[in-house]
PDB file of N, CA and C in Angstrom:
ATOM      1  N   MET A   1     -29.735 193.561 -60.611  1.00  0.00           N
ATOM      2  CA  MET A   1     -29.689 194.476 -60.591  1.00  0.00           C
ATOM      3  C   MET A   1     -30.527 195.452 -61.328  1.00  0.00           C
ATOM      4  N   ASP A   2     -30.580 195.107 -62.810  1.00  0.00           N
ATOM      5  CA  ASP A   2     -31.272 196.396 -63.238  1.00  0.00           C
ATOM      6  C   ASP A   2     -32.412 197.160 -62.422  1.00  0.00           C
ATOM      7  N   GLY A   3     -33.305 195.674 -61.884  1.00  0.00           N
ATOM      8  CA  GLY A   3     -34.239 196.225 -61.107  1.00  0.00           C
ATOM      9  C   GLY A   3     -34.570 197.349 -60.193  1.00  0.00           C
ATOM     10  N   ILE A   4     -33.101 197.325 -59.603  1.00  0.00           N
ATOM     11  CA  ILE A   4     -32.960 198.697 -58.425  1.00  0.00           C
ATOM     12  C   ILE A   4     -32.542 199.525 -59.254  1.00  0.00           C
ATOM     13  N   LYS A   5     -31.611 199.570 -60.330  1.00  0.00           N
ATOM     14  CA  LYS A   5     -31.842 200.763 -61.045  1.00  0.00           C
ATOM     15  C   LYS A   5     -32.934 201.633 -61.976  1.00  0.00           C
ATOM     16  N   TYR A   6     -34.128 200.581 -62.467  1.00  0.00           N
ATOM     17  CA  TYR A   6     -35.589 200.845 -62.706  1.00  0.00           C
ATOM     18  C   TYR A   6     -36.180 201.475 -61.606  1.00  0.00           C
ATOM     19  N   ALA A   7     -36.082 200.615 -60.821  1.00  0.00           N
ATOM     20  CA  ALA A   7     -37.454 201.397 -59.616  1.00  0.00           C
ATOM     21  C   ALA A   7     -36.773 202.705 -58.713  1.00  0.00           C
ATOM     22  N   ILE A   8     -35.588 203.013 -59.194  1.00  0.00           N
ATOM     23  CA  ILE A   8     -34.675 204.457 -58.210  1.00  0.00           C
ATOM     24  C   ILE A   8     -35.263 205.392 -59.456  1.00  0.00           C
ATOM     25  N   PHE A   9     -34.994 204.593 -61.036  1.00  0.00           N
ATOM     26  CA  PHE A   9     -35.416 206.341 -62.005  1.00  0.00           C
ATOM     27  C   PHE A   9     -37.366 205.977 -62.253  1.00  0.00           C
ATOM     28  N   THR A  10     -37.704 205.379 -61.502  1.00  0.00           N
ATOM     29  CA  THR A  10     -39.260 205.605 -61.606  1.00  0.00           C
ATOM     30  C   THR A  10     -39.829 206.405 -60.732  1.00  0.00           C
ATOM     31  N   TYR A  11     -39.154 206.194 -59.244  1.00  0.00           N
ATOM     32  CA  TYR A  11     -39.479 207.422 -58.024  1.00  0.00           C
ATOM     33  C   TYR A  11     -38.604 209.039 -58.915  1.00  0.00           C
ATOM     34  N   ALA A  12     -37.588 208.376 -59.654  1.00  0.00           N
ATOM     35  CA  ALA A  12     -37.322 209.805 -59.352  1.00  0.00           C
ATOM     36  C   ALA A  12     -38.150 210.322 -60.693  1.00  0.00           C
ATOM     37  N   ILE A  13     -38.802 209.688 -61.464  1.00  0.00           N
ATOM     38  CA  ILE A  13     -39.756 210.587 -62.572  1.00  0.00           C
ATOM     39  C   ILE A  13     -41.198 211.046 -61.901  1.00  0.00           C
ATOM     40  N   PHE A  14     -41.853 210.835 -60.669  1.00  0.00           N
ATOM     41  CA  PHE A  14     -42.802 210.897 -59.814  1.00  0.00           C
ATOM     42  C   PHE A  14     -42.429 211.821 -59.064  1.00  0.00           C
ATOM     43  N   THR A  15     -42.652 212.880 -58.712  1.00  0.00           N
ATOM     44  CA  THR A  15     -42.012 213.696 -57.708  1.00  0.00           C
ATOM     45  C   THR A  15     -42.948 213.322 -56.900  1.00  0.00           C
ATOM     46  N   TYR A  16     -44.229 213.205 -56.798  1.00  0.00           N
ATOM     47  CA  TYR A  16     -45.390 212.948 -55.375  1.00  0.00           C
ATOM     48  C   TYR A  16     -46.758 213.429 -56.066  1.00  0.00           C
ATOM     49  N   ALA A  17     -47.583 212.532 -55.468  1.00  0.00           N
ATOM     50  CA  ALA A  17     -48.982 212.513 -56.073  1.00  0.00           C
ATOM     51  C   ALA A  17     -49.452 213.546 -55.178  1.00  0.00           C
ATOM     52  N   ILE A  18     -50.928 213.902 -56.143  1.00  0.00           N
ATOM     53  CA  ILE A  18     -51.653 214.739 -55.809  1.00  0.00           C
ATOM     54  C   ILE A  18     -52.540 214.584 -54.927  1.00  0.00           C
ATOM     55  N   PHE A  19     -53.214 214.845 -54.050  1.00  0.00           N
ATOM     56  CA  PHE A  19     -54.349 214.754 -53.399  1.00  0.00           C
ATOM     57  C   PHE A  19     -54.721 216.173 -52.936  1.00  0.00           C
ATOM     58  N   THR A  20     -55.565 216.417 -54.056  1.00  0.00           N
ATOM     59  CA  THR A  20     -56.526 217.826 -54.409  1.00  0.00           C
ATOM     60  C   THR A  20     -58.537 217.531 -53.842  1.00  0.00           C
ATOM     61  N   GLU A  21     -59.301 218.119 -54.041  1.00  0.00           N
ATOM     62  CA  GLU A  21     -60.624 217.749 -54.121  1.00  0.00           C
ATOM     63  C   GLU A  21     -60.962 217.017 -55.513  1.00  0.00           C
ATOM     64  N   LYS A  22     -60.680 217.505 -56.753  1.00  0.00           N
ATOM     65  CA  LYS A  22     -60.618 217.086 -57.878  1.00  0.00           C
ATOM     66  C   LYS A  22     -59.961 215.448 -57.945  1.00  0.00           C
ATOM     67  N   SER A  23     -58.631 215.508 -57.653  1.00  0.00           N
ATOM     68  CA  SER A  23     -58.086 214.393 -57.956  1.00  0.00           C
ATOM     69  C   SER A  23     -58.391 213.169 -57.171  1.00  0.00           C
ATOM     70  N   ILE A  24     -59.281 213.727 -55.678  1.00  0.00           N
ATOM     71  CA  ILE A  24     -59.837 212.621 -54.957  1.00  0.00           C
ATOM     72  C   ILE A  24     -61.307 212.118 -55.759  1.00  0.00           C
ATOM     73  N   ARG A  25     -61.514 212.742 -56.586  1.00  0.00           N
ATOM     74  CA  ARG A  25     -62.777 212.425 -57.388  1.00  0.00           C
ATOM     75  C   ARG A  25     -62.803 211.263 -58.274  1.00  0.00           C
ATOM     76  N   LEU A  26     -61.281 212.191 -59.168  1.00  0.00           N
ATOM     77  CA  LEU A  26     -60.766 211.208 -59.904  1.00  0.00           C
ATOM     78  C   LEU A  26     -60.525 209.893 -59.183  1.00  0.00           C
ATOM     79  N   LEU A  27     -60.413 209.477 -58.360  1.00  0.00           N
ATOM     80  CA  LEU A  27     -59.707 208.350 -58.165  1.00  0.00           C
ATOM     81  C   LEU A  27     -61.369 207.102 -57.886  1.00  0.00           C
ATOM     82  N   GLY A  28     -62.309 207.607 -57.700  1.00  0.00           N
ATOM     83  CA  GLY A  28     -63.525 206.977 -58.175  1.00  0.00           C
ATOM     84  C   GLY A  28     -63.926 206.832 -59.449  1.00  0.00           C
ATOM     85  N   ASN A  29     -63.191 207.430 -60.619  1.00  0.00           N
ATOM     86  CA  ASN A  29     -63.011 206.878 -62.105  1.00  0.00           C
ATOM     87  C   ASN A  29     -61.892 206.038 -62.557  1.00  0.00           C
ATOM     88  N   ASN A  30     -61.085 205.947 -61.009  1.00  0.00           N
ATOM     89  CA  ASN A  30     -59.931 204.915 -61.706  1.00  0.00           C
ATOM     90  C   ASN A  30     -58.807 206.189 -62.421  1.00  0.00           C
ATOM     91  N   GLN A  31     -58.660 207.211 -61.731  1.00  0.00           N
ATOM     92  CA  GLN A  31     -58.054 207.955 -62.882  1.00  0.00           C
ATOM     93  C   GLN A  31     -56.838 208.811 -61.342  1.00  0.00           C
ATOM     94  N   TYR A  32     -55.571 208.509 -60.873  1.00  0.00           N
ATOM     95  CA  TYR A  32     -54.877 208.878 -60.394  1.00  0.00           C
ATOM     96  C   TYR A  32     -53.688 210.171 -60.931  1.00  0.00           C
ATOM     97  N   THR A  33     -53.722 211.479 -60.236  1.00  0.00           N
ATOM     98  CA  THR A  33     -52.995 212.950 -60.731  1.00  0.00           C
ATOM     99  C   THR A  33     -51.301 212.396 -59.543  1.00  0.00           C
ATOM    100  N   SER A  34     -50.317 212.794 -60.298  1.00  0.00           N
ATOM    101  CA  SER A  34     -49.391 213.022 -59.548  1.00  0.00           C
ATOM    102  C   SER A  34     -48.351 214.427 -60.382  1.00  0.00           C
ATOM    103  N   ASN A  35     -47.263 214.821 -60.266  1.00  0.00           N
ATOM    104  CA  ASN A  35     -46.809 215.721 -60.461  1.00  0.00           C
ATOM    105  C   ASN A  35     -45.144 214.765 -61.167  1.00  0.00           C
ATOM    106  N   VAL A  36     -44.929 215.035 -62.196  1.00  0.00           N
ATOM    107  CA  VAL A  36     -43.583 214.607 -62.448  1.00  0.00           C
ATOM    108  C   VAL A  36     -42.742 215.503 -63.298  1.00  0.00           C
ATOM    109  N   GLU A  37     -41.368 215.358 -63.251  1.00  0.00           N
ATOM    110  CA  GLU A  37     -40.394 216.022 -64.045  1.00  0.00           C
ATOM    111  C   GLU A  37     -40.904 216.506 -65.250  1.00  0.00           C
ATOM    112  N   SER A  38     -40.563 217.780 -65.334  1.00  0.00           N
ATOM    113  CA  SER A  38     -41.043 217.977 -66.716  1.00  0.00           C
ATOM    114  C   SER A  38     -40.368 217.961 -67.607  1.00  0.00           C
ATOM    115  N   GLY A  39     -39.484 217.359 -67.708  1.00  0.00           N
ATOM    116  CA  GLY A  39     -38.453 217.001 -68.900  1.00  0.00           C
ATOM    117  C   GLY A  39     -38.833 215.623 -69.322  1.00  0.00           C
ATOM    118  N   SER A  40     -39.830 214.577 -68.734  1.00  0.00           N
ATOM    119  CA  SER A  40     -40.369 213.463 -69.108  1.00  0.00           C
ATOM    120  C   SER A  40     -41.119 213.435 -69.874  1.00  0.00           C
ATOM    121  N   THR A  41     -41.454 212.441 -71.376  1.00  0.00           N
ATOM    122  CA  THR A  41     -42.261 212.344 -71.649  1.00  0.00           C
ATOM    123  C   THR A  41     -43.750 211.523 -71.757  1.00  0.00           C
ATOM    124  N   ARG A  42     -44.671 211.639 -72.218  1.00  0.00           N
ATOM    125  CA  ARG A  42     -45.835 210.911 -71.802  1.00  0.00           C
ATOM    126  C   ARG A  42     -45.239 209.088 -72.151  1.00  0.00           C
ATOM    127  N   THR A  43     -44.714 209.409 -73.351  1.00  0.00           N
ATOM    128  CA  THR A  43     -44.720 207.229 -73.668  1.00  0.00           C
ATOM    129  C   THR A  43     -43.064 207.081 -72.225  1.00  0.00           C
ATOM    130  N   GLU A  44     -42.718 207.790 -71.686  1.00  0.00           N
ATOM    131  CA  GLU A  44     -41.647 207.446 -70.925  1.00  0.00           C
ATOM    132  C   GLU A  44     -42.632 207.036 -69.608  1.00  0.00           C
ATOM    133  N   ILE A  45     -43.191 207.666 -69.005  1.00  0.00           N
ATOM    134  CA  ILE A  45     -44.211 208.246 -68.112  1.00  0.00           C
ATOM    135  C   ILE A  45     -44.874 206.558 -67.968  1.00  0.00           C
ATOM    136  N   LYS A  46     -45.709 206.494 -69.402  1.00  0.00           N
ATOM    137  CA  LYS A  46     -46.040 204.820 -69.416  1.00  0.00           C
ATOM    138  C   LYS A  46     -45.854 203.602 -69.273  1.00  0.00           C
ATOM    139  N   HIS A  47     -44.774 203.868 -69.519  1.00  0.00           N
ATOM    140  CA  HIS A  47     -44.042 202.588 -70.012  1.00  0.00           C
ATOM    141  C   HIS A  47     -43.106 202.446 -68.725  1.00  0.00           C
ATOM    142  N   TRP A  48     -43.018 203.400 -67.853  1.00  0.00           N
ATOM    143  CA  TRP A  48     -42.740 203.011 -66.499  1.00  0.00           C
ATOM    144  C   TRP A  48     -43.719 202.740 -65.318  1.00  0.00           C
ATOM    145  N   VAL A  49     -44.814 203.382 -65.274  1.00  0.00           N
ATOM    146  CA  VAL A  49     -46.377 203.332 -64.814  1.00  0.00           C
ATOM    147  C   VAL A  49     -46.754 201.579 -64.986  1.00  0.00           C
ATOM    148  N   GLU A  50     -46.690 201.250 -66.148  1.00  0.00           N
ATOM    149  CA  GLU A  50     -46.661 199.958 -66.581  1.00  0.00           C
ATOM    150  C   GLU A  50     -45.996 199.053 -66.067  1.00  0.00           C
ATOM    151  N   LEU A  51     -44.571 199.222 -65.734  1.00  0.00           N
ATOM    152  CA  LEU A  51     -43.748 198.377 -65.744  1.00  0.00           C
ATOM    153  C   LEU A  51     -43.627 198.373 -64.173  1.00  0.00           C
ATOM    154  N   PHE A  52     -43.514 199.292 -63.600  1.00  0.00           N
ATOM    155  CA  PHE A  52     -43.094 199.547 -62.210  1.00  0.00           C
ATOM    156  C   PHE A  52     -44.200 198.559 -61.131  1.00  0.00           C
ATOM    157  N   PHE A  53     -45.434 198.902 -61.387  1.00  0.00           N
ATOM    158  CA  PHE A  53     -46.769 199.014 -61.523  1.00  0.00           C
ATOM    159  C   PHE A  53     -47.848 197.932 -61.340  1.00  0.00           C
ATOM    160  N   GLY A  54     -47.154 197.108 -62.390  1.00  0.00           N
ATOM    161  CA  GLY A  54     -47.796 196.157 -63.367  1.00  0.00           C
ATOM    162  C   GLY A  54     -48.900 196.267 -63.595  1.00  0.00           C
ATOM    163  N   VAL A  55     -49.199 197.838 -63.967  1.00  0.00           N
ATOM    164  CA  VAL A  55     -51.210 197.568 -64.606  1.00  0.00           C
ATOM    165  C   VAL A  55     -50.830 198.188 -65.400  1.00  0.00           C
ATOM    166  N   LYS A  56     -52.351 198.154 -66.359  1.00  0.00           N
ATOM    167  CA  LYS A  56     -52.595 198.561 -67.987  1.00  0.00           C
ATOM    168  C   LYS A  56     -53.191 200.215 -67.630  1.00  0.00           C
ATOM    169  N   VAL A  57     -52.236 200.829 -68.753  1.00  0.00           N
ATOM    170  CA  VAL A  57     -52.344 202.478 -68.529  1.00  0.00           C
ATOM    171  C   VAL A  57     -53.766 202.864 -69.735  1.00  0.00           C
ATOM    172  N   ILE A  58     -55.074 203.454 -69.987  1.00  0.00           N
ATOM    173  CA  ILE A  58     -55.737 203.465 -71.610  1.00  0.00           C
ATOM    174  C   ILE A  58     -55.527 205.076 -71.962  1.00  0.00           C
ATOM    175  N   ALA A  59     -55.193 205.740 -70.818  1.00  0.00           N
ATOM    176  CA  ALA A  59     -55.410 207.162 -71.066  1.00  0.00           C
ATOM    177  C   ALA A  59     -54.797 207.960 -70.445  1.00  0.00           C
ATOM    178  N   MET A  60     -54.007 209.109 -70.510  1.00  0.00           N
ATOM    179  CA  MET A  60     -52.576 209.646 -70.057  1.00  0.00           C
ATOM    180  C   MET A  60     -53.309 211.439 -70.665  1.00  0.00           C
ATOM    181  N   ASN A  61     -53.550 212.148 -69.414  1.00  0.00           N
ATOM    182  CA  ASN A  61     -53.721 213.709 -69.874  1.00  0.00           C
ATOM    183  C   ASN A  61     -52.708 214.276 -68.915  1.00  0.00           C
ATOM    184  N   SER A  62     -51.672 215.033 -69.172  1.00  0.00           N
ATOM    185  CA  SER A  62     -50.860 215.651 -68.997  1.00  0.00           C
ATOM    186  C   SER A  62     -50.842 217.295 -68.928  1.00  0.00           C
ATOM    187  N   HIS A  63     -50.927 218.236 -68.128  1.00  0.00           N
ATOM    188  CA  HIS A  63     -50.127 219.892 -68.272  1.00  0.00           C
ATOM    189  C   HIS A  63     -49.108 220.622 -68.147  1.00  0.00           C
ATOM    190  N   ARG A  64     -48.965 221.524 -68.461  1.00  0.00           N
ATOM    191  CA  ARG A  64     -47.354 222.030 -67.438  1.00  0.00           C
ATOM    192  C   ARG A  64     -48.276 223.030 -66.807  1.00  0.00           C
ATOM    193  N   LEU A  65     -47.773 223.288 -65.515  1.00  0.00           N
ATOM    194  CA  LEU A  65     -47.973 224.195 -64.712  1.00  0.00           C
ATOM    195  C   LEU A  65     -46.815 225.268 -64.733  1.00  0.00           C
ATOM    196  N   PRO A  66     -46.898 226.802 -64.919  1.00  0.00           N
ATOM    197  CA  PRO A  66     -45.803 227.322 -64.869  1.00  0.00           C
ATOM    198  C   PRO A  66     -45.299 227.639 -63.371  1.00  0.00           C
ATOM    199  N   GLY A  67     -44.426 228.094 -63.079  1.00  0.00           N
ATOM    200  CA  GLY A  67     -43.584 228.401 -61.885  1.00  0.00           C
ATOM    201  C   GLY A  67     -44.246 229.673 -61.102  1.00  0.00           C
ATOM    202  N   LYS A  68     -43.905 230.289 -59.892  1.00  0.00           N
ATOM    203  CA  LYS A  68     -44.503 231.164 -59.797  1.00  0.00           C
ATOM    204  C   LYS A  68     -43.241 232.319 -59.275  1.00  0.00           C
ATOM    205  N   GLY A  69     -43.778 233.077 -59.894  1.00  0.00           N
ATOM    206  CA  GLY A  69     -42.920 234.485 -59.843  1.00  0.00           C
ATOM    207  C   GLY A  69     -42.230 234.596 -58.485  1.00  0.00           C
ATOM    208  N   ARG A  70     -41.053 235.014 -57.811  1.00  0.00           N
ATOM    209  CA  ARG A  70     -40.655 235.313 -56.813  1.00  0.00           C
ATOM    210  C   ARG A  70     -39.611 236.371 -56.662  1.00  0.00           C
ATOM    211  N   ARG A  71     -39.850 237.448 -55.610  1.00  0.00           N
ATOM    212  CA  ARG A  71     -38.701 238.504 -55.779  1.00  0.00           C
ATOM    213  C   ARG A  71     -38.015 238.609 -54.487  1.00  0.00           C
ATOM    214  N   MET A  72     -36.934 239.229 -54.434  1.00  0.00           N
ATOM    215  CA  MET A  72     -36.275 239.218 -53.093  1.00  0.00           C
ATOM    216  C   MET A  72     -35.024 240.430 -53.877  1.00  0.00           C
ATOM    217  N   GLY A  73     -36.083 241.360 -53.427  1.00  0.00           N
ATOM    218  CA  GLY A  73     -35.576 242.965 -53.730  1.00  0.00           C
ATOM    219  C   GLY A  73     -35.846 243.048 -54.866  1.00  0.00           C
ATOM    220  N   PRO A  74     -34.708 243.622 -55.330  1.00  0.00           N
ATOM    221  CA  PRO A  74     -34.994 243.808 -57.051  1.00  0.00           C
ATOM    222  C   PRO A  74     -34.917 243.508 -57.961  1.00  0.00           C
ATOM    223  N   ILE A  75     -34.163 241.978 -57.540  1.00  0.00           N
ATOM    224  CA  ILE A  75     -34.131 240.679 -58.319  1.00  0.00           C
ATOM    225  C   ILE A  75     -35.664 240.362 -58.538  1.00  0.00           C
ATOM    226  N   MET A  76     -35.818 239.621 -59.815  1.00  0.00           N
ATOM    227  CA  MET A  76     -37.175 238.854 -60.240  1.00  0.00           C
ATOM    228  C   MET A  76     -36.888 237.460 -60.328  1.00  0.00           C
ATOM    229  N   GLY A  77     -37.451 236.394 -59.623  1.00  0.00           N
ATOM    230  CA  GLY A  77     -36.913 235.024 -60.153  1.00  0.00           C
ATOM    231  C   GLY A  77     -38.084 234.400 -60.000  1.00  0.00           C
ATOM    232  N   HIS A  78     -38.369 232.793 -60.743  1.00  0.00           N
ATOM    233  CA  HIS A  78     -39.302 232.084 -60.397  1.00  0.00           C
ATOM    234  C   HIS A  78     -38.773 230.712 -59.889  1.00  0.00           C
ATOM    235  N   THR A  79     -39.953 229.933 -59.325  1.00  0.00           N
ATOM    236  CA  THR A  79     -40.156 228.665 -59.013  1.00  0.00           C
ATOM    237  C   THR A  79     -39.903 228.011 -60.361  1.00  0.00           C
ATOM    238  N   MET A  80     -39.428 226.851 -60.065  1.00  0.00           N
ATOM    239  CA  MET A  80     -39.465 225.971 -61.150  1.00  0.00           C
ATOM    240  C   MET A  80     -40.906 225.373 -61.530  1.00  0.00           C
ATOM    241  N   HIS A  81     -41.159 225.052 -63.415  1.00  0.00           N
ATOM    242  CA  HIS A  81     -42.384 224.964 -63.264  1.00  0.00           C
ATOM    243  C   HIS A  81     -42.313 222.771 -63.524  1.00  0.00           C
ATOM    244  N   TYR A  82     -43.964 222.335 -63.559  1.00  0.00           N
ATOM    245  CA  TYR A  82     -43.485 221.189 -63.402  1.00  0.00           C
ATOM    246  C   TYR A  82     -44.781 220.609 -64.254  1.00  0.00           C
ATOM    247  N   ARG A  83     -44.504 219.753 -64.333  1.00  0.00           N
ATOM    248  CA  ARG A  83     -45.926 218.946 -65.360  1.00  0.00           C
ATOM    249  C   ARG A  83     -46.969 217.652 -64.418  1.00  0.00           C
ATOM    250  N   ARG A  84     -47.953 218.012 -64.569  1.00  0.00           N
ATOM    251  CA  ARG A  84     -49.210 217.120 -63.834  1.00  0.00           C
ATOM    252  C   ARG A  84     -49.598 216.683 -64.970  1.00  0.00           C
ATOM    253  N   MET A  85     -49.784 215.064 -64.623  1.00  0.00           N
ATOM    254  CA  MET A  85     -50.150 214.027 -65.172  1.00  0.00           C
ATOM    255  C   MET A  85     -51.325 212.812 -64.115  1.00  0.00           C
ATOM    256  N   ILE A  86     -52.453 213.523 -65.814  1.00  0.00           N
ATOM    257  CA  ILE A  86     -53.795 212.182 -64.779  1.00  0.00           C
ATOM    258  C   ILE A  86     -53.862 211.130 -65.436  1.00  0.00           C
ATOM    259  N   ILE A  87     -53.470 210.139 -65.124  1.00  0.00           N
ATOM    260  CA  ILE A  87     -53.361 208.442 -65.554  1.00  0.00           C
ATOM    261  C   ILE A  87     -54.974 207.828 -65.104  1.00  0.00           C
ATOM    262  N   THR A  88     -55.407 207.555 -66.564  1.00  0.00           N
ATOM    263  CA  THR A  88     -56.193 206.620 -66.250  1.00  0.00           C
ATOM    264  C   THR A  88     -56.251 205.168 -66.555  1.00  0.00           C
ATOM    265  N   LEU A  89     -56.805 204.249 -65.606  1.00  0.00           N
ATOM    266  CA  LEU A  89     -56.610 202.584 -65.594  1.00  0.00           C
ATOM    267  C   LEU A  89     -57.081 202.347 -65.783  1.00  0.00           C
ATOM    268  N   GLN A  90     -56.968 200.668 -66.345  1.00  0.00           N
ATOM    269  CA  GLN A  90     -57.983 199.566 -67.183  1.00  0.00           C
ATOM    270  C   GLN A  90     -58.525 199.771 -65.858  1.00  0.00           C
ATOM    271  N   PRO A  91     -59.797 198.946 -65.566  1.00  0.00           N
ATOM    272  CA  PRO A  91     -60.400 198.675 -64.920  1.00  0.00           C
ATOM    273  C   PRO A  91     -60.228 197.281 -63.892  1.00  0.00           C
ATOM    274  N   GLY A  92     -60.159 197.393 -62.746  1.00  0.00           N
ATOM    275  CA  GLY A  92     -59.501 196.630 -61.784  1.00  0.00           C
ATOM    276  C   GLY A  92     -58.165 196.631 -61.237  1.00  0.00           C
ATOM    277  N   TYR A  93     -57.763 197.548 -61.665  1.00  0.00           N
ATOM    278  CA  TYR A  93     -56.172 197.823 -61.302  1.00  0.00           C
ATOM    279  C   TYR A  93     -56.351 199.188 -60.882  1.00  0.00           C
ATOM    280  N   SER A  94     -55.332 199.142 -59.914  1.00  0.00           N
ATOM    281  CA  SER A  94     -55.119 200.457 -58.803  1.00  0.00           C
ATOM    282  C   SER A  94     -53.830 200.472 -58.506  1.00  0.00           C
ATOM    283  N   ILE A  95     -53.596 202.017 -58.329  1.00  0.00           N
ATOM    284  CA  ILE A  95     -51.727 202.299 -57.841  1.00  0.00           C
ATOM    285  C   ILE A  95     -51.737 202.558 -55.773  1.00  0.00           C
ATOM    286  N   PRO A  96     -50.904 202.195 -55.387  1.00  0.00           N
ATOM    287  CA  PRO A  96     -51.155 202.293 -53.757  1.00  0.00           C
ATOM    288  C   PRO A  96     -50.635 203.747 -53.840  1.00  0.00           C
ATOM    289  N   PRO A  97     -50.442 204.433 -53.077  1.00  0.00           N
ATOM    290  CA  PRO A  97     -50.175 205.527 -52.842  1.00  0.00           C
ATOM    291  C   PRO A  97     -48.386 205.982 -52.788  1.00  0.00           C
ATOM    292  N   LEU A  98     -48.084 206.847 -53.861  1.00  0.00           N
ATOM    293  CA  LEU A  98     -46.491 206.801 -54.172  1.00  0.00           C
ATOM    294  C   LEU A  98     -46.120 207.144 -52.901  1.00  0.00           C
ATOM    295  N   ILE A  99     -45.869 208.380 -52.228  1.00  0.00           N
ATOM    296  CA  ILE A  99     -45.485 209.006 -51.084  1.00  0.00           C
ATOM    297  C   ILE A  99     -46.368 208.918 -49.713  1.00  0.00           C
ATOM    298  N   GLU A 100     -46.009 208.541 -48.683  1.00  0.00           N
ATOM    299  CA  GLU A 100     -47.119 208.754 -47.854  1.00  0.00           C
ATOM    300  C   GLU A 100     -46.169 209.702 -46.556  1.00  0.00           C
ATOM    301  N   LYS A 101     -46.820 211.066 -46.525  1.00  0.00           N
ATOM    302  CA  LYS A 101     -46.055 211.914 -45.864  1.00  0.00           C
ATOM    303  C   LYS A 101     -46.708 211.239 -44.078  1.00  0.00           C
ATOM    304  N   ARG A 102     -45.715 211.663 -42.879  1.00  0.00           N
ATOM    305  CA  ARG A 102     -46.168 210.823 -41.593  1.00  0.00           C
ATOM    306  C   ARG A 102     -45.913 212.108 -41.175  1.00  0.00           C
ATOM    307  N   THR A 103     -46.859 212.629 -39.967  1.00  0.00           N
ATOM    308  CA  THR A 103     -46.383 213.616 -39.438  1.00  0.00           C
ATOM    309  C   THR A 103     -46.514 213.519 -37.457  1.00  0.00           C
TER     310      THR A 103
END
């Protein structure tokens, strides 16, 4: 039963994988890019990636991207900010795509 709870929590941390030109280029260096919840810490993410996917993480880089401004009439608001992680794995390990969108 605990394994199910961990799996749900892991997918709640990772919102989705990023597939941009840079992230596709980084896949050749065994680096994976994904957006994560802004409240999660680096050690938390490293622990869950190693536990859930069964890989060894050697480095993690993160940066926080600000939300975009949105205006509705005279009221100015923002979208939510988020954190992007670049996870480097040891050679020989790989992560399957986190979420596949089908059209």
